[in-house]
Amino acid sequence: MKQPGDCTTMRDLRAEIDRLDHDLVRLFAQRAEYIDRAAQIKAEIDLPARIEDRVEEVVQNVRRHAETYGLPPELVEKLWRRLIDWSIAREESRLGPDSLRRG
């Protein structure tokens, strides 16, 4: 792994970006495993896929992380809201739509 300042060519930079992309996809896959487990637990205790308080908690967490690492919180929030929507859709594919769940 090279640090950005150690990359002297576009080839070096692209290789590091590709490596990071691989790691990010691996982490998203790992996150999806937790989403799948959440769907199982929610089914057992009759919770909906979307829990609005939790959505906002996650968004606030990633905004703080973005600030810590010098990223624009608004951009990270937009990305994460898409990820959250995808995660909820994944849960609903296992639970059924929230509108069909009792509660």
PDB file of N, CA and C in Angstrom:
ATOM      1  N   MET A   1       0.840  -1.180   0.000  1.00  0.00           N
ATOM      2  CA  MET A   1       0.000   0.000   0.000  1.00  0.00           C
ATOM      3  C   MET A   1       0.885   1.243   0.000  1.00  0.00           C
ATOM      4  N   LYS A   2       0.642   2.099  -0.966  1.00  0.00           N
ATOM      5  CA  LYS A   2       1.365   3.369  -1.035  1.00  0.00           C
ATOM      6  C   LYS A   2       0.476   4.485  -0.515  1.00  0.00           C
ATOM      7  N   GLN A   3       1.077   5.424   0.147  1.00  0.00           N
ATOM      8  CA  GLN A   3       0.375   6.635   0.539  1.00  0.00           C
ATOM      9  C   GLN A   3       0.207   7.514  -0.698  1.00  0.00           C
ATOM     10  N   PRO A   4      -0.814   8.376  -0.730  1.00  0.00           N
ATOM     11  CA  PRO A   4      -1.015   9.218  -1.920  1.00  0.00           C
ATOM     12  C   PRO A   4       0.238   9.998  -2.328  1.00  0.00           C
ATOM     13  N   GLY A   5       0.953  10.535  -1.363  1.00  0.00           N
ATOM     14  CA  GLY A   5       2.153  11.302  -1.676  1.00  0.00           C
ATOM     15  C   GLY A   5       3.288  10.471  -2.240  1.00  0.00           C
ATOM     16  N   ASP A   6       3.229   9.161  -2.039  1.00  0.00           N
ATOM     17  CA  ASP A   6       4.261   8.266  -2.551  1.00  0.00           C
ATOM     18  C   ASP A   6       3.987   7.812  -3.981  1.00  0.00           C
ATOM     19  N   CYS A   7       2.794   8.099  -4.484  1.00  0.00           N
ATOM     20  CA  CYS A   7       2.450   7.732  -5.860  1.00  0.00           C
ATOM     21  C   CYS A   7       3.040   8.770  -6.804  1.00  0.00           C
ATOM     22  N   THR A   8       3.838   8.299  -7.742  1.00  0.00           N
ATOM     23  CA  THR A   8       4.517   9.222  -8.651  1.00  0.00           C
ATOM     24  C   THR A   8       3.971   9.168 -10.071  1.00  0.00           C
ATOM     25  N   THR A   9       3.118   8.182 -10.330  1.00  0.00           N
ATOM     26  CA  THR A   9       2.546   8.059 -11.674  1.00  0.00           C
ATOM     27  C   THR A   9       1.036   7.816 -11.560  1.00  0.00           C
ATOM     28  N   MET A  10       0.336   8.036 -12.656  1.00  0.00           N
ATOM     29  CA  MET A  10      -1.087   7.718 -12.686  1.00  0.00           C
ATOM     30  C   MET A  10      -1.302   6.224 -12.482  1.00  0.00           C
ATOM     31  N   ARG A  11      -0.401   5.425 -12.982  1.00  0.00           N
ATOM     32  CA  ARG A  11      -0.511   3.969 -12.788  1.00  0.00           C
ATOM     33  C   ARG A  11      -0.502   3.632 -11.305  1.00  0.00           C
ATOM     34  N   ASP A  12       0.424   4.253 -10.553  1.00  0.00           N
ATOM     35  CA  ASP A  12       0.477   4.047  -9.106  1.00  0.00           C
ATOM     36  C   ASP A  12      -0.845   4.454  -8.453  1.00  0.00           C
ATOM     37  N   LEU A  13      -1.336   5.630  -8.799  1.00  0.00           N
ATOM     38  CA  LEU A  13      -2.583   6.135  -8.216  1.00  0.00           C
ATOM     39  C   LEU A  13      -3.757   5.214  -8.539  1.00  0.00           C
ATOM     40  N   ARG A  14      -3.847   4.805  -9.795  1.00  0.00           N
ATOM     41  CA  ARG A  14      -4.958   3.939 -10.205  1.00  0.00           C
ATOM     42  C   ARG A  14      -4.907   2.601  -9.490  1.00  0.00           C
ATOM     43  N   ALA A  15      -3.718   2.069  -9.309  1.00  0.00           N
ATOM     44  CA  ALA A  15      -3.583   0.792  -8.604  1.00  0.00           C
ATOM     45  C   ALA A  15      -4.072   0.922  -7.161  1.00  0.00           C
ATOM     46  N   GLU A  16      -3.747   2.016  -6.514  1.00  0.00           N
ATOM     47  CA  GLU A  16      -4.177   2.224  -5.130  1.00  0.00           C
ATOM     48  C   GLU A  16      -5.682   2.467  -5.054  1.00  0.00           C
ATOM     49  N   ILE A  17      -6.226   3.211  -5.995  1.00  0.00           N
ATOM     50  CA  ILE A  17      -7.674   3.435  -6.028  1.00  0.00           C
ATOM     51  C   ILE A  17      -8.392   2.112  -6.269  1.00  0.00           C
ATOM     52  N   ASP A  18      -7.887   1.298  -7.191  1.00  0.00           N
ATOM     53  CA  ASP A  18      -8.488  -0.021  -7.442  1.00  0.00           C
ATOM     54  C   ASP A  18      -8.437  -0.896  -6.195  1.00  0.00           C
ATOM     55  N   ARG A  19      -7.327  -0.837  -5.465  1.00  0.00           N
ATOM     56  CA  ARG A  19      -7.194  -1.612  -4.232  1.00  0.00           C
ATOM     57  C   ARG A  19      -8.219  -1.147  -3.208  1.00  0.00           C
ATOM     58  N   LEU A  20      -8.359   0.158  -3.065  1.00  0.00           N
ATOM     59  CA  LEU A  20      -9.337   0.692  -2.121  1.00  0.00           C
ATOM     60  C   LEU A  20     -10.766   0.330  -2.536  1.00  0.00           C
ATOM     61  N   ASP A  21     -11.054   0.404  -3.838  1.00  0.00           N
ATOM     62  CA  ASP A  21     -12.385   0.017  -4.322  1.00  0.00           C
ATOM     63  C   ASP A  21     -12.690  -1.430  -3.969  1.00  0.00           C
ATOM     64  N   HIS A  22     -11.710  -2.297  -4.130  1.00  0.00           N
ATOM     65  CA  HIS A  22     -11.874  -3.708  -3.759  1.00  0.00           C
ATOM     66  C   HIS A  22     -12.210  -3.819  -2.273  1.00  0.00           C
ATOM     67  N   ASP A  23     -11.462  -3.107  -1.446  1.00  0.00           N
ATOM     68  CA  ASP A  23     -11.705  -3.141  -0.007  1.00  0.00           C
ATOM     69  C   ASP A  23     -13.084  -2.596   0.342  1.00  0.00           C
ATOM     70  N   LEU A  24     -13.494  -1.534  -0.332  1.00  0.00           N
ATOM     71  CA  LEU A  24     -14.818  -0.956  -0.069  1.00  0.00           C
ATOM     72  C   LEU A  24     -15.930  -1.941  -0.428  1.00  0.00           C
ATOM     73  N   VAL A  25     -15.807  -2.612  -1.559  1.00  0.00           N
ATOM     74  CA  VAL A  25     -16.819  -3.596  -1.959  1.00  0.00           C
ATOM     75  C   VAL A  25     -16.854  -4.738  -0.949  1.00  0.00           C
ATOM     76  N   ARG A  26     -15.695  -5.179  -0.499  1.00  0.00           N
ATOM     77  CA  ARG A  26     -15.639  -6.231   0.523  1.00  0.00           C
ATOM     78  C   ARG A  26     -16.353  -5.770   1.791  1.00  0.00           C
ATOM     79  N   LEU A  27     -16.128  -4.531   2.204  1.00  0.00           N
ATOM     80  CA  LEU A  27     -16.785  -4.007   3.404  1.00  0.00           C
ATOM     81  C   LEU A  27     -18.289  -3.855   3.204  1.00  0.00           C
ATOM     82  N   PHE A  28     -18.721  -3.441   1.999  1.00  0.00           N
ATOM     83  CA  PHE A  28     -20.155  -3.354   1.723  1.00  0.00           C
ATOM     84  C   PHE A  28     -20.790  -4.747   1.775  1.00  0.00           C
ATOM     85  N   ALA A  29     -20.092  -5.743   1.285  1.00  0.00           N
ATOM     86  CA  ALA A  29     -20.607  -7.114   1.342  1.00  0.00           C
ATOM     87  C   ALA A  29     -20.728  -7.567   2.796  1.00  0.00           C
ATOM     88  N   GLN A  30     -19.756  -7.214   3.591  1.00  0.00           N
ATOM     89  CA  GLN A  30     -19.801  -7.558   5.012  1.00  0.00           C
ATOM     90  C   GLN A  30     -20.967  -6.829   5.690  1.00  0.00           C
ATOM     91  N   ARG A  31     -21.172  -5.558   5.336  1.00  0.00           N
ATOM     92  CA  ARG A  31     -22.294  -4.796   5.878  1.00  0.00           C
ATOM     93  C   ARG A  31     -23.613  -5.465   5.495  1.00  0.00           C
ATOM     94  N   ALA A  32     -23.701  -5.958   4.273  1.00  0.00           N
ATOM     95  CA  ALA A  32     -24.921  -6.630   3.806  1.00  0.00           C
ATOM     96  C   ALA A  32     -25.220  -7.874   4.641  1.00  0.00           C
ATOM     97  N   GLU A  33     -24.200  -8.569   5.093  1.00  0.00           N
ATOM     98  CA  GLU A  33     -24.419  -9.729   5.961  1.00  0.00           C
ATOM     99  C   GLU A  33     -25.092  -9.304   7.260  1.00  0.00           C
ATOM    100  N   TYR A  34     -24.689  -8.152   7.797  1.00  0.00           N
ATOM    101  CA  TYR A  34     -25.324  -7.636   9.010  1.00  0.00           C
ATOM    102  C   TYR A  34     -26.767  -7.198   8.730  1.00  0.00           C
ATOM    103  N   ILE A  35     -26.988  -6.636   7.560  1.00  0.00           N
ATOM    104  CA  ILE A  35     -28.344  -6.253   7.161  1.00  0.00           C
ATOM    105  C   ILE A  35     -29.228  -7.495   7.090  1.00  0.00           C
ATOM    106  N   ASP A  36     -28.709  -8.563   6.506  1.00  0.00           N
ATOM    107  CA  ASP A  36     -29.473  -9.806   6.412  1.00  0.00           C
ATOM    108  C   ASP A  36     -29.811 -10.348   7.804  1.00  0.00           C
ATOM    109  N   ARG A  37     -28.850 -10.269   8.704  1.00  0.00           N
ATOM    110  CA  ARG A  37     -29.107 -10.735  10.076  1.00  0.00           C
ATOM    111  C   ARG A  37     -30.130  -9.832  10.758  1.00  0.00           C
ATOM    112  N   ALA A  38     -30.052  -8.535  10.512  1.00  0.00           N
ATOM    113  CA  ALA A  38     -31.040  -7.611  11.077  1.00  0.00           C
ATOM    114  C   ALA A  38     -32.436  -7.979  10.595  1.00  0.00           C
ATOM    115  N   ALA A  39     -32.563  -8.343   9.335  1.00  0.00           N
ATOM    116  CA  ALA A  39     -33.867  -8.740   8.793  1.00  0.00           C
ATOM    117  C   ALA A  39     -34.390  -9.975   9.521  1.00  0.00           C
ATOM    118  N   GLN A  40     -33.515 -10.925   9.808  1.00  0.00           N
ATOM    119  CA  GLN A  40     -33.943 -12.125  10.541  1.00  0.00           C
ATOM    120  C   GLN A  40     -34.453 -11.765  11.933  1.00  0.00           C
ATOM    121  N   ILE A  41     -33.698 -10.922  12.621  1.00  0.00           N
ATOM    122  CA  ILE A  41     -34.084 -10.531  13.977  1.00  0.00           C
ATOM    123  C   ILE A  41     -35.369  -9.710  13.944  1.00  0.00           C
ATOM    124  N   LYS A  42     -35.472  -8.787  12.993  1.00  0.00           N
ATOM    125  CA  LYS A  42     -36.685  -7.967  12.882  1.00  0.00           C
ATOM    126  C   LYS A  42     -37.902  -8.832  12.614  1.00  0.00           C
ATOM    127  N   ALA A  43     -37.748  -9.871  11.814  1.00  0.00           N
ATOM    128  CA  ALA A  43     -38.867 -10.776  11.543  1.00  0.00           C
ATOM    129  C   ALA A  43     -39.315 -11.473  12.829  1.00  0.00           C
ATOM    130  N   GLU A  44     -38.359 -11.861  13.660  1.00  0.00           N
ATOM    131  CA  GLU A  44     -38.677 -12.546  14.914  1.00  0.00           C
ATOM    132  C   GLU A  44     -39.421 -11.652  15.895  1.00  0.00           C
ATOM    133  N   ILE A  45     -39.109 -10.352  15.889  1.00  0.00           N
ATOM    134  CA  ILE A  45     -39.722  -9.444  16.862  1.00  0.00           C
ATOM    135  C   ILE A  45     -40.686  -8.460  16.209  1.00  0.00           C
ATOM    136  N   ASP A  46     -41.013  -8.728  14.948  1.00  0.00           N
ATOM    137  CA  ASP A  46     -42.029  -7.982  14.203  1.00  0.00           C
ATOM    138  C   ASP A  46     -41.712  -6.484  14.102  1.00  0.00           C
ATOM    139  N   LEU A  47     -40.490  -6.177  13.713  1.00  0.00           N
ATOM    140  CA  LEU A  47     -40.114  -4.789  13.442  1.00  0.00           C
ATOM    141  C   LEU A  47     -40.093  -4.562  11.939  1.00  0.00           C
ATOM    142  N   PRO A  48     -40.380  -3.340  11.511  1.00  0.00           N
ATOM    143  CA  PRO A  48     -40.313  -3.025  10.081  1.00  0.00           C
ATOM    144  C   PRO A  48     -38.864  -2.854   9.637  1.00  0.00           C
ATOM    145  N   ALA A  49     -38.660  -2.902   8.335  1.00  0.00           N
ATOM    146  CA  ALA A  49     -37.314  -2.689   7.792  1.00  0.00           C
ATOM    147  C   ALA A  49     -36.850  -1.258   8.075  1.00  0.00           C
ATOM    148  N   ARG A  50     -37.736  -0.293   7.826  1.00  0.00           N
ATOM    149  CA  ARG A  50     -37.370   1.120   8.028  1.00  0.00           C
ATOM    150  C   ARG A  50     -37.794   1.550   9.425  1.00  0.00           C
ATOM    151  N   ILE A  51     -36.808   1.950  10.194  1.00  0.00           N
ATOM    152  CA  ILE A  51     -37.052   2.537  11.509  1.00  0.00           C
ATOM    153  C   ILE A  51     -36.427   3.930  11.442  1.00  0.00           C
ATOM    154  N   GLU A  52     -37.289   4.921  11.283  1.00  0.00           N
ATOM    155  CA  GLU A  52     -36.842   6.271  10.944  1.00  0.00           C
ATOM    156  C   GLU A  52     -35.846   6.840  11.948  1.00  0.00           C
ATOM    157  N   ASP A  53     -36.052   6.603  13.248  1.00  0.00           N
ATOM    158  CA  ASP A  53     -35.095   7.101  14.248  1.00  0.00           C
ATOM    159  C   ASP A  53     -33.703   6.522  14.007  1.00  0.00           C
ATOM    160  N   ARG A  54     -33.640   5.252  13.648  1.00  0.00           N
ATOM    161  CA  ARG A  54     -32.346   4.610  13.385  1.00  0.00           C
ATOM    162  C   ARG A  54     -31.717   5.167  12.119  1.00  0.00           C
ATOM    163  N   VAL A  55     -32.532   5.414  11.094  1.00  0.00           N
ATOM    164  CA  VAL A  55     -32.008   6.005   9.858  1.00  0.00           C
ATOM    165  C   VAL A  55     -31.303   7.318  10.181  1.00  0.00           C
ATOM    166  N   GLU A  56     -31.960   8.165  10.949  1.00  0.00           N
ATOM    167  CA  GLU A  56     -31.374   9.474  11.264  1.00  0.00           C
ATOM    168  C   GLU A  56     -30.153   9.344  12.173  1.00  0.00           C
ATOM    169  N   GLU A  57     -30.158   8.352  13.051  1.00  0.00           N
ATOM    170  CA  GLU A  57     -28.987   8.105  13.892  1.00  0.00           C
ATOM    171  C   GLU A  57     -27.781   7.718  13.036  1.00  0.00           C
ATOM    172  N   VAL A  58     -27.987   6.831  12.072  1.00  0.00           N
ATOM    173  CA  VAL A  58     -26.908   6.407  11.171  1.00  0.00           C
ATOM    174  C   VAL A  58     -26.393   7.609  10.380  1.00  0.00           C
ATOM    175  N   VAL A  59     -27.295   8.413   9.867  1.00  0.00           N
ATOM    176  CA  VAL A  59     -26.895   9.591   9.085  1.00  0.00           C
ATOM    177  C   VAL A  59     -26.055  10.541   9.935  1.00  0.00           C
ATOM    178  N   GLN A  60     -26.485  10.801  11.152  1.00  0.00           N
ATOM    179  CA  GLN A  60     -25.712  11.696  12.016  1.00  0.00           C
ATOM    180  C   GLN A  60     -24.340  11.110  12.341  1.00  0.00           C
ATOM    181  N   ASN A  61     -24.285   9.793  12.543  1.00  0.00           N
ATOM    182  CA  ASN A  61     -22.990   9.138  12.795  1.00  0.00           C
ATOM    183  C   ASN A  61     -22.036   9.336  11.623  1.00  0.00           C
ATOM    184  N   VAL A  62     -22.514   9.087  10.395  1.00  0.00           N
ATOM    185  CA  VAL A  62     -21.606   9.200   9.256  1.00  0.00           C
ATOM    186  C   VAL A  62     -21.248  10.649   8.958  1.00  0.00           C
ATOM    187  N   ARG A  63     -22.128  11.573   9.265  1.00  0.00           N
ATOM    188  CA  ARG A  63     -21.775  12.994   9.107  1.00  0.00           C
ATOM    189  C   ARG A  63     -20.606  13.349  10.045  1.00  0.00           C
ATOM    190  N   ARG A  64     -20.674  12.856  11.283  1.00  0.00           N
ATOM    191  CA  ARG A  64     -19.569  13.104  12.219  1.00  0.00           C
ATOM    192  C   ARG A  64     -18.276  12.460  11.731  1.00  0.00           C
ATOM    193  N   HIS A  65     -18.374  11.229  11.232  1.00  0.00           N
ATOM    194  CA  HIS A  65     -17.184  10.556  10.701  1.00  0.00           C
ATOM    195  C   HIS A  65     -16.611  11.332   9.516  1.00  0.00           C
ATOM    196  N   ALA A  66     -17.477  11.830   8.663  1.00  0.00           N
ATOM    197  CA  ALA A  66     -17.022  12.615   7.510  1.00  0.00           C
ATOM    198  C   ALA A  66     -16.235  13.834   7.975  1.00  0.00           C
ATOM    199  N   GLU A  67     -16.771  14.531   8.948  1.00  0.00           N
ATOM    200  CA  GLU A  67     -16.074  15.717   9.469  1.00  0.00           C
ATOM    201  C   GLU A  67     -14.717  15.335  10.052  1.00  0.00           C
ATOM    202  N   THR A  68     -14.674  14.223  10.772  1.00  0.00           N
ATOM    203  CA  THR A  68     -13.416  13.756  11.367  1.00  0.00           C
ATOM    204  C   THR A  68     -12.338  13.544  10.305  1.00  0.00           C
ATOM    205  N   TYR A  69     -12.750  13.014   9.139  1.00  0.00           N
ATOM    206  CA  TYR A  69     -11.796  12.689   8.090  1.00  0.00           C
ATOM    207  C   TYR A  69     -11.701  13.753   6.996  1.00  0.00           C
ATOM    208  N   GLY A  70     -12.290  14.919   7.256  1.00  0.00           N
ATOM    209  CA  GLY A  70     -12.143  16.028   6.319  1.00  0.00           C
ATOM    210  C   GLY A  70     -12.950  15.897   5.039  1.00  0.00           C
ATOM    211  N   LEU A  71     -14.042  15.140   5.094  1.00  0.00           N
ATOM    212  CA  LEU A  71     -14.915  14.999   3.932  1.00  0.00           C
ATOM    213  C   LEU A  71     -16.156  15.872   4.118  1.00  0.00           C
ATOM    214  N   PRO A  72     -16.772  16.306   3.025  1.00  0.00           N
ATOM    215  CA  PRO A  72     -17.985  17.120   3.162  1.00  0.00           C
ATOM    216  C   PRO A  72     -19.145  16.275   3.708  1.00  0.00           C
ATOM    217  N   PRO A  73     -19.678  16.630   4.878  1.00  0.00           N
ATOM    218  CA  PRO A  73     -20.752  15.837   5.474  1.00  0.00           C
ATOM    219  C   PRO A  73     -21.982  15.710   4.574  1.00  0.00           C
ATOM    220  N   GLU A  74     -22.283  16.741   3.801  1.00  0.00           N
ATOM    221  CA  GLU A  74     -23.458  16.703   2.923  1.00  0.00           C
ATOM    222  C   GLU A  74     -23.308  15.608   1.867  1.00  0.00           C
ATOM    223  N   LEU A  75     -22.117  15.488   1.299  1.00  0.00           N
ATOM    224  CA  LEU A  75     -21.865  14.465   0.289  1.00  0.00           C
ATOM    225  C   LEU A  75     -21.962  13.070   0.900  1.00  0.00           C
ATOM    226  N   VAL A  76     -21.340  12.883   2.046  1.00  0.00           N
ATOM    227  CA  VAL A  76     -21.366  11.575   2.702  1.00  0.00           C
ATOM    228  C   VAL A  76     -22.802  11.213   3.089  1.00  0.00           C
ATOM    229  N   GLU A  77     -23.552  12.202   3.553  1.00  0.00           N
ATOM    230  CA  GLU A  77     -24.953  11.944   3.891  1.00  0.00           C
ATOM    231  C   GLU A  77     -25.735  11.458   2.664  1.00  0.00           C
ATOM    232  N   LYS A  78     -25.540  12.112   1.531  1.00  0.00           N
ATOM    233  CA  LYS A  78     -26.234  11.696   0.306  1.00  0.00           C
ATOM    234  C   LYS A  78     -25.881  10.259  -0.064  1.00  0.00           C
ATOM    235  N   LEU A  79     -24.595   9.943  -0.003  1.00  0.00           N
ATOM    236  CA  LEU A  79     -24.164   8.575  -0.307  1.00  0.00           C
ATOM    237  C   LEU A  79     -24.801   7.578   0.666  1.00  0.00           C
ATOM    238  N   TRP A  80     -24.789   7.916   1.943  1.00  0.00           N
ATOM    239  CA  TRP A  80     -25.290   6.981   2.943  1.00  0.00           C
ATOM    240  C   TRP A  80     -26.795   6.819   2.874  1.00  0.00           C
ATOM    241  N   ARG A  81     -27.501   7.879   2.535  1.00  0.00           N
ATOM    242  CA  ARG A  81     -28.956   7.733   2.385  1.00  0.00           C
ATOM    243  C   ARG A  81     -29.269   6.749   1.252  1.00  0.00           C
ATOM    244  N   ARG A  82     -28.475   6.773   0.195  1.00  0.00           N
ATOM    245  CA  ARG A  82     -28.655   5.774  -0.875  1.00  0.00           C
ATOM    246  C   ARG A  82     -28.353   4.367  -0.346  1.00  0.00           C
ATOM    247  N   LEU A  83     -27.268   4.249   0.428  1.00  0.00           N
ATOM    248  CA  LEU A  83     -26.913   2.958   1.016  1.00  0.00           C
ATOM    249  C   LEU A  83     -28.005   2.478   1.970  1.00  0.00           C
ATOM    250  N   ILE A  84     -28.534   3.375   2.765  1.00  0.00           N
ATOM    251  CA  ILE A  84     -29.602   3.022   3.696  1.00  0.00           C
ATOM    252  C   ILE A  84     -30.837   2.560   2.922  1.00  0.00           C
ATOM    253  N   ASP A  85     -31.208   3.292   1.880  1.00  0.00           N
ATOM    254  CA  ASP A  85     -32.372   2.889   1.074  1.00  0.00           C
ATOM    255  C   ASP A  85     -32.156   1.499   0.473  1.00  0.00           C
ATOM    256  N   TRP A  86     -30.954   1.251  -0.023  1.00  0.00           N
ATOM    257  CA  TRP A  86     -30.635  -0.071  -0.576  1.00  0.00           C
ATOM    258  C   TRP A  86     -30.741  -1.133   0.520  1.00  0.00           C
ATOM    259  N   SER A  87     -30.229  -0.817   1.703  1.00  0.00           N
ATOM    260  CA  SER A  87     -30.260  -1.769   2.817  1.00  0.00           C
ATOM    261  C   SER A  87     -31.692  -2.081   3.231  1.00  0.00           C
ATOM    262  N   ILE A  88     -32.526  -1.059   3.282  1.00  0.00           N
ATOM    263  CA  ILE A  88     -33.929  -1.260   3.646  1.00  0.00           C
ATOM    264  C   ILE A  88     -34.629  -2.105   2.584  1.00  0.00           C
ATOM    265  N   ALA A  89     -34.356  -1.826   1.328  1.00  0.00           N
ATOM    266  CA  ALA A  89     -34.937  -2.640   0.248  1.00  0.00           C
ATOM    267  C   ALA A  89     -34.486  -4.087   0.384  1.00  0.00           C
ATOM    268  N   ARG A  90     -33.244  -4.298   0.751  1.00  0.00           N
ATOM    269  CA  ARG A  90     -32.736  -5.664   0.942  1.00  0.00           C
ATOM    270  C   ARG A  90     -33.476  -6.349   2.081  1.00  0.00           C
ATOM    271  N   GLU A  91     -33.660  -5.616   3.197  1.00  0.00           N
ATOM    272  CA  GLU A  91     -34.418  -6.179   4.317  1.00  0.00           C
ATOM    273  C   GLU A  91     -35.850  -6.490   3.896  1.00  0.00           C
ATOM    274  N   GLU A  92     -36.485  -5.563   3.189  1.00  0.00           N
ATOM    275  CA  GLU A  92     -37.868  -5.775   2.766  1.00  0.00           C
ATOM    276  C   GLU A  92     -37.996  -6.990   1.849  1.00  0.00           C
ATOM    277  N   SER A  93     -36.954  -7.282   1.070  1.00  0.00           N
ATOM    278  CA  SER A  93     -37.020  -8.454   0.195  1.00  0.00           C
ATOM    279  C   SER A  93     -37.072  -9.737   1.019  1.00  0.00           C
ATOM    280  N   ARG A  94     -36.634  -9.657   2.258  1.00  0.00           N
ATOM    281  CA  ARG A  94     -36.676 -10.814   3.141  1.00  0.00           C
ATOM    282  C   ARG A  94     -37.899 -10.777   4.068  1.00  0.00           C
ATOM    283  N   LEU A  95     -38.292  -9.539   4.467  1.00  0.00           N
ATOM    284  CA  LEU A  95     -39.402  -9.369   5.401  1.00  0.00           C
ATOM    285  C   LEU A  95     -40.748  -9.175   4.714  1.00  0.00           C
ATOM    286  N   GLY A  96     -40.720  -8.640   3.513  1.00  0.00           N
ATOM    287  CA  GLY A  96     -41.924  -8.137   2.875  1.00  0.00           C
ATOM    288  C   GLY A  96     -41.994  -6.641   3.144  1.00  0.00           C
ATOM    289  N   PRO A  97     -42.703  -5.902   2.314  1.00  0.00           N
ATOM    290  CA  PRO A  97     -42.777  -4.446   2.495  1.00  0.00           C
ATOM    291  C   PRO A  97     -43.320  -4.071   3.861  1.00  0.00           C
ATOM    292  N   ASP A  98     -42.824  -2.976   4.420  1.00  0.00           N
ATOM    293  CA  ASP A  98     -43.290  -2.510   5.725  1.00  0.00           C
ATOM    294  C   ASP A  98     -44.793  -2.325   5.766  1.00  0.00           C
ATOM    295  N   SER A  99     -45.383  -1.899   4.642  1.00  0.00           N
ATOM    296  CA  SER A  99     -46.819  -1.645   4.616  1.00  0.00           C
ATOM    297  C   SER A  99     -47.633  -2.922   4.826  1.00  0.00           C
ATOM    298  N   LEU A 100     -47.009  -4.082   4.630  1.00  0.00           N
ATOM    299  CA  LEU A 100     -47.719  -5.350   4.807  1.00  0.00           C
ATOM    300  C   LEU A 100     -47.463  -5.974   6.180  1.00  0.00           C
ATOM    301  N   ARG A 101     -46.547  -5.389   6.935  1.00  0.00           N
ATOM    302  CA  ARG A 101     -46.218  -5.937   8.254  1.00  0.00           C
ATOM    303  C   ARG A 101     -47.200  -5.388   9.279  1.00  0.00           C
ATOM    304  N   ARG A 102     -47.509  -6.199  10.229  1.00  0.00           N
ATOM    305  CA  ARG A 102     -48.388  -5.704  11.299  1.00  0.00           C
ATOM    306  C   ARG A 102     -47.582  -4.845  12.248  1.00  0.00           C
ATOM    307  N   GLY A 103     -48.217  -4.131  13.088  1.00  0.00           N
ATOM    308  CA  GLY A 103     -47.486  -3.328  14.046  1.00  0.00           C
ATOM    309  C   GLY A 103     -47.922  -1.975  14.074  1.00  0.00           C
TER     310      GLY A 103
END
